[in-house]
Structure formats: C-alpha cells, structure tokens
PDB file of all heavy atoms in Angstrom:
ATOM      1  N   PRO A   1     115.082  80.281 108.490  1.00  0.00           N
ATOM      2  CA  PRO A   1     114.502  81.480 107.887  1.00  0.00           C
ATOM      3  C   PRO A   1     114.999  82.758 108.563  1.00  0.00           C
ATOM      4  O   PRO A   1     115.305  82.766 109.761  1.00  0.00           O
ATOM      5  CB  PRO A   1     112.995  81.293 108.101  1.00  0.00           C
ATOM      6  CG  PRO A   1     112.807  79.832 108.315  1.00  0.00           C
ATOM      7  CD  PRO A   1     114.043  79.362 109.006  1.00  0.00           C
ATOM      8  N   ARG A   2     115.065  83.825 107.762  1.00  0.00           N
ATOM      9  CA  ARG A   2     115.394  85.152 108.300  1.00  0.00           C
ATOM     10  C   ARG A   2     114.168  86.025 108.141  1.00  0.00           C
ATOM     11  O   ARG A   2     113.584  86.100 107.053  1.00  0.00           O
ATOM     12  CB  ARG A   2     116.587  85.768 107.584  1.00  0.00           C
ATOM     13  CG  ARG A   2     117.858  84.963 107.707  1.00  0.00           C
ATOM     14  CD  ARG A   2     119.084  85.767 107.321  1.00  0.00           C
ATOM     15  NE  ARG A   2     119.396  86.783 108.314  1.00  0.00           N
ATOM     16  CZ  ARG A   2     120.620  87.296 108.504  1.00  0.00           C
ATOM     17  NH1 ARG A   2     121.628  86.866 107.761  1.00  0.00           N
ATOM     18  NH2 ARG A   2     120.839  88.226 109.397  1.00  0.00           N
ATOM     19  N   SER A   3     113.798  86.696 109.190  1.00  0.00           N
ATOM     20  CA  SER A   3     112.581  87.498 109.141  1.00  0.00           C
ATOM     21  C   SER A   3     112.816  88.784 108.355  1.00  0.00           C
ATOM     22  O   SER A   3     113.933  89.320 108.307  1.00  0.00           O
ATOM     23  CB  SER A   3     112.119  87.844 110.554  1.00  0.00           C
ATOM     24  OG  SER A   3     112.989  88.793 111.148  1.00  0.00           O
ATOM     25  N   GLY A   4     111.735  89.272 107.762  1.00  0.00           N
ATOM     26  CA  GLY A   4     111.817  90.545 107.057  1.00  0.00           C
ATOM     27  C   GLY A   4     112.173  91.674 107.990  1.00  0.00           C
ATOM     28  O   GLY A   4     112.908  92.605 107.616  1.00  0.00           O
ATOM     29  N   GLU A   5     111.678  91.608 109.233  1.00  0.00           N
ATOM     30  CA  GLU A   5     111.987  92.659 110.210  1.00  0.00           C
ATOM     31  C   GLU A   5     113.478  92.679 110.535  1.00  0.00           C
ATOM     32  O   GLU A   5     114.107  93.750 110.596  1.00  0.00           O
ATOM     33  CB  GLU A   5     111.184  92.426 111.493  1.00  0.00           C
ATOM     34  CG  GLU A   5     111.409  93.504 112.543  1.00  0.00           C
ATOM     35  CD  GLU A   5     110.569  93.270 113.786  1.00  0.00           C
ATOM     36  OE1 GLU A   5     109.792  92.295 113.813  1.00  0.00           O
ATOM     37  OE2 GLU A   5     110.690  94.061 114.735  1.00  0.00           O
ATOM     38  N   GLU A   6     114.071  91.486 110.722  1.00  0.00           N
ATOM     39  CA  GLU A   6     115.504  91.415 111.020  1.00  0.00           C
ATOM     40  C   GLU A   6     116.327  91.966 109.860  1.00  0.00           C
ATOM     41  O   GLU A   6     117.280  92.740 110.061  1.00  0.00           O
ATOM     42  CB  GLU A   6     115.900  89.965 111.295  1.00  0.00           C
ATOM     43  CG  GLU A   6     117.396  89.775 111.531  1.00  0.00           C
ATOM     44  CD  GLU A   6     117.841  88.329 111.399  1.00  0.00           C
ATOM     45  OE1 GLU A   6     116.976  87.439 111.291  1.00  0.00           O
ATOM     46  OE2 GLU A   6     119.068  88.110 111.379  1.00  0.00           O
ATOM     47  N   MET A   7     115.959  91.570 108.627  1.00  0.00           N
ATOM     48  CA  MET A   7     116.711  92.051 107.469  1.00  0.00           C
ATOM     49  C   MET A   7     116.543  93.552 107.288  1.00  0.00           C
ATOM     50  O   MET A   7     117.493  94.250 106.924  1.00  0.00           O
ATOM     51  CB  MET A   7     116.282  91.295 106.213  1.00  0.00           C
ATOM     52  CG  MET A   7     116.789  89.852 106.190  1.00  0.00           C
ATOM     53  SD  MET A   7     116.599  89.039 104.585  1.00  0.00           S
ATOM     54  CE  MET A   7     114.828  88.759 104.551  1.00  0.00           C
ATOM     55  N   SER A   8     115.358  94.084 107.554  1.00  0.00           N
ATOM     56  CA  SER A   8     115.148  95.520 107.410  1.00  0.00           C
ATOM     57  C   SER A   8     116.015  96.297 108.397  1.00  0.00           C
ATOM     58  O   SER A   8     116.572  97.346 108.061  1.00  0.00           O
ATOM     59  CB  SER A   8     113.667  95.869 107.585  1.00  0.00           C
ATOM     60  OG  SER A   8     113.244  95.654 108.917  1.00  0.00           O
ATOM     61  N   ARG A   9     116.139  95.764 109.639  1.00  0.00           N
ATOM     62  CA  ARG A   9     117.000  96.427 110.629  1.00  0.00           C
ATOM     63  C   ARG A   9     118.464  96.351 110.195  1.00  0.00           C
ATOM     64  O   ARG A   9     119.208  97.337 110.285  1.00  0.00           O
ATOM     65  CB  ARG A   9     116.854  95.768 111.999  1.00  0.00           C
ATOM     66  CG  ARG A   9     115.569  96.098 112.731  1.00  0.00           C
ATOM     67  CD  ARG A   9     115.692  95.775 114.218  1.00  0.00           C
ATOM     68  NE  ARG A   9     116.137  94.398 114.447  1.00  0.00           N
ATOM     69  CZ  ARG A   9     115.331  93.376 114.627  1.00  0.00           C
ATOM     70  NH1 ARG A   9     114.011  93.557 114.580  1.00  0.00           N
ATOM     71  NH2 ARG A   9     115.823  92.162 114.832  1.00  0.00           N
ATOM     72  N   THR A  10     118.899  95.170 109.738  1.00  0.00           N
ATOM     73  CA  THR A  10     120.292  94.986 109.339  1.00  0.00           C
ATOM     74  C   THR A  10     120.672  95.899 108.183  1.00  0.00           C
ATOM     75  O   THR A  10     121.768  96.488 108.163  1.00  0.00           O
ATOM     76  CB  THR A  10     120.536  93.514 108.927  1.00  0.00           C
ATOM     77  OG1 THR A  10     120.249  92.669 110.050  1.00  0.00           O
ATOM     78  CG2 THR A  10     121.975  93.298 108.492  1.00  0.00           C
ATOM     79  N   LEU A  11     119.764  96.053 107.235  1.00  0.00           N
ATOM     80  CA  LEU A  11     120.060  96.822 106.025  1.00  0.00           C
ATOM     81  C   LEU A  11     119.647  98.284 106.126  1.00  0.00           C
ATOM     82  O   LEU A  11     119.977  99.080 105.242  1.00  0.00           O
ATOM     83  CB  LEU A  11     119.369  96.178 104.819  1.00  0.00           C
ATOM     84  CG  LEU A  11     119.799  94.733 104.508  1.00  0.00           C
ATOM     85  CD1 LEU A  11     118.951  94.154 103.396  1.00  0.00           C
ATOM     86  CD2 LEU A  11     121.277  94.683 104.142  1.00  0.00           C
ATOM     87  N   GLY A  12     118.908  98.632 107.176  1.00  0.00           N
ATOM     88  CA  GLY A  12     118.488 100.027 107.351  1.00  0.00           C
ATOM     89  C   GLY A  12     117.449 100.475 106.353  1.00  0.00           C
ATOM     90  O   GLY A  12     117.461 101.636 105.916  1.00  0.00           O
ATOM     91  N   VAL A  13     116.549  99.552 105.977  1.00  0.00           N
ATOM     92  CA  VAL A  13     115.478  99.881 105.028  1.00  0.00           C
ATOM     93  C   VAL A  13     114.154  99.400 105.613  1.00  0.00           C
ATOM     94  O   VAL A  13     114.115  98.728 106.646  1.00  0.00           O
ATOM     95  CB  VAL A  13     115.731  99.206 103.655  1.00  0.00           C
ATOM     96  CG1 VAL A  13     117.024  99.709 103.032  1.00  0.00           C
ATOM     97  CG2 VAL A  13     115.765  97.681 103.789  1.00  0.00           C
ATOM     98  N   SER A  14     113.073  99.740 104.939  1.00  0.00           N
ATOM     99  CA  SER A  14     111.757  99.325 105.411  1.00  0.00           C
ATOM    100  C   SER A  14     111.499  97.861 105.089  1.00  0.00           C
ATOM    101  O   SER A  14     112.135  97.281 104.194  1.00  0.00           O
ATOM    102  CB  SER A  14     110.678 100.189 104.769  1.00  0.00           C
ATOM    103  OG  SER A  14     110.589  99.921 103.377  1.00  0.00           O
ATOM    104  N   ARG A  15     110.527  97.262 105.798  1.00  0.00           N
ATOM    105  CA  ARG A  15     110.150  95.883 105.497  1.00  0.00           C
ATOM    106  C   ARG A  15     109.540  95.792 104.106  1.00  0.00           C
ATOM    107  O   ARG A  15     109.691  94.773 103.422  1.00  0.00           O
ATOM    108  CB  ARG A  15     109.162  95.381 106.554  1.00  0.00           C
ATOM    109  CG  ARG A  15     109.796  95.188 107.925  1.00  0.00           C
ATOM    110  CD  ARG A  15     108.813  94.645 108.937  1.00  0.00           C
ATOM    111  NE  ARG A  15     108.360  93.302 108.587  1.00  0.00           N
ATOM    112  CZ  ARG A  15     107.516  92.589 109.326  1.00  0.00           C
ATOM    113  NH1 ARG A  15     107.019  93.102 110.453  1.00  0.00           N
ATOM    114  NH2 ARG A  15     107.148  91.372 108.962  1.00  0.00           N
ATOM    115  N   ALA A  16     108.869  96.864 103.666  1.00  0.00           N
ATOM    116  CA  ALA A  16     108.301  96.875 102.312  1.00  0.00           C
ATOM    117  C   ALA A  16     109.409  96.796 101.258  1.00  0.00           C
ATOM    118  O   ALA A  16     109.270  96.117 100.230  1.00  0.00           O
ATOM    119  CB  ALA A  16     107.463  98.123 102.099  1.00  0.00           C
ATOM    120  N   ALA A  17     110.547  97.484 101.523  1.00  0.00           N
ATOM    121  CA  ALA A  17     111.667  97.444 100.583  1.00  0.00           C
ATOM    122  C   ALA A  17     112.265  96.040 100.526  1.00  0.00           C
ATOM    123  O   ALA A  17     112.631  95.552  99.447  1.00  0.00           O
ATOM    124  CB  ALA A  17     112.731  98.455 100.994  1.00  0.00           C
ATOM    125  N   VAL A  18     112.335  95.365 101.685  1.00  0.00           N
ATOM    126  CA  VAL A  18     112.821  93.983 101.714  1.00  0.00           C
ATOM    127  C   VAL A  18     111.887  93.094 100.910  1.00  0.00           C
ATOM    128  O   VAL A  18     112.332  92.246 100.127  1.00  0.00           O
ATOM    129  CB  VAL A  18     112.955  93.477 103.165  1.00  0.00           C
ATOM    130  CG1 VAL A  18     113.238  91.977 103.186  1.00  0.00           C
ATOM    131  CG2 VAL A  18     114.056  94.233 103.892  1.00  0.00           C
ATOM    132  N   TRP A  19     110.573  93.271 101.085  1.00  0.00           N
ATOM    133  CA  TRP A  19     109.596  92.460 100.350  1.00  0.00           C
ATOM    134  C   TRP A  19     109.754  92.657  98.849  1.00  0.00           C
ATOM    135  O   TRP A  19     109.705  91.698  98.072  1.00  0.00           O
ATOM    136  CB  TRP A  19     108.185  92.828 100.789  1.00  0.00           C
ATOM    137  CG  TRP A  19     107.137  91.997 100.107  1.00  0.00           C
ATOM    138  CD1 TRP A  19     106.661  90.787 100.485  1.00  0.00           C
ATOM    139  CD2 TRP A  19     106.463  92.328  98.871  1.00  0.00           C
ATOM    140  NE1 TRP A  19     105.736  90.323  99.582  1.00  0.00           N
ATOM    141  CE2 TRP A  19     105.596  91.254  98.585  1.00  0.00           C
ATOM    142  CE3 TRP A  19     106.517  93.419  98.013  1.00  0.00           C
ATOM    143  CZ2 TRP A  19     104.784  91.241  97.457  1.00  0.00           C
ATOM    144  CZ3 TRP A  19     105.714  93.407  96.882  1.00  0.00           C
ATOM    145  CH2 TRP A  19     104.845  92.331  96.612  1.00  0.00           C
ATOM    146  N   LYS A  20     109.973  93.910  98.413  1.00  0.00           N
ATOM    147  CA  LYS A  20     110.146  94.175  96.983  1.00  0.00           C
ATOM    148  C   LYS A  20     111.418  93.498  96.457  1.00  0.00           C
ATOM    149  O   LYS A  20     111.443  92.979  95.329  1.00  0.00           O
ATOM    150  CB  LYS A  20     110.208  95.681  96.729  1.00  0.00           C
ATOM    151  CG  LYS A  20     108.866  96.384  96.890  1.00  0.00           C
ATOM    152  CD  LYS A  20     108.992  97.875  96.615  1.00  0.00           C
ATOM    153  CE  LYS A  20     107.649  98.582  96.790  1.00  0.00           C
ATOM    154  NZ  LYS A  20     107.756 100.044  96.541  1.00  0.00           N
ATOM    155  N   ALA A  21     112.472  93.501  97.272  1.00  0.00           N
ATOM    156  CA  ALA A  21     113.708  92.846  96.860  1.00  0.00           C
ATOM    157  C   ALA A  21     113.501  91.339  96.736  1.00  0.00           C
ATOM    158  O   ALA A  21     113.998  90.702  95.791  1.00  0.00           O
ATOM    159  CB  ALA A  21     114.825  93.152  97.860  1.00  0.00           C
ATOM    160  N   ILE A  22     112.753  90.749  97.676  1.00  0.00           N
ATOM    161  CA  ILE A  22     112.434  89.322  97.610  1.00  0.00           C
ATOM    162  C   ILE A  22     111.661  89.021  96.328  1.00  0.00           C
ATOM    163  O   ILE A  22     111.930  88.040  95.621  1.00  0.00           O
ATOM    164  CB  ILE A  22     111.616  88.884  98.841  1.00  0.00           C
ATOM    165  CG1 ILE A  22     112.446  88.999 100.125  1.00  0.00           C
ATOM    166  CG2 ILE A  22     111.069  87.471  98.666  1.00  0.00           C
ATOM    167  CD1 ILE A  22     113.528  87.966 100.286  1.00  0.00           C
ATOM    168  N   ALA A  23     110.683  89.874  96.016  1.00  0.00           N
ATOM    169  CA  ALA A  23     109.875  89.682  94.800  1.00  0.00           C
ATOM    170  C   ALA A  23     110.750  89.758  93.553  1.00  0.00           C
ATOM    171  O   ALA A  23     110.583  88.968  92.613  1.00  0.00           O
ATOM    172  CB  ALA A  23     108.763  90.728  94.748  1.00  0.00           C
ATOM    173  N   ALA A  24     111.715  90.701  93.538  1.00  0.00           N
ATOM    174  CA  ALA A  24     112.608  90.830  92.378  1.00  0.00           C
ATOM    175  C   ALA A  24     113.493  89.599  92.225  1.00  0.00           C
ATOM    176  O   ALA A  24     113.723  89.118  91.103  1.00  0.00           O
ATOM    177  CB  ALA A  24     113.467  92.083  92.531  1.00  0.00           C
ATOM    178  N   LEU A  25     113.955  89.056  93.343  1.00  0.00           N
ATOM    179  CA  LEU A  25     114.772  87.846  93.283  1.00  0.00           C
ATOM    180  C   LEU A  25     113.965  86.660  92.771  1.00  0.00           C
ATOM    181  O   LEU A  25     114.460  85.843  91.971  1.00  0.00           O
ATOM    182  CB  LEU A  25     115.357  87.537  94.660  1.00  0.00           C
ATOM    183  CG  LEU A  25     116.453  88.491  95.163  1.00  0.00           C
ATOM    184  CD1 LEU A  25     116.748  88.247  96.634  1.00  0.00           C
ATOM    185  CD2 LEU A  25     117.724  88.333  94.337  1.00  0.00           C
TER     186      LEU A  25
END
C-alpha cells in the first residue's frame, strides 16, 4: 500500500485531493 500522505507529498497536493482522485478512480 501507498499512504495518502506519501502520495500527497510526491504530487504536491493535499491529502483531500488524493482522496478525491481515489474516489474518482
């Protein structure tokens, strides 16, 4: 698993934005 915090840092976005992207997928 990849954490939302790690992905948010890598992509330079908020964890909420990562969560929304996960929901869209």
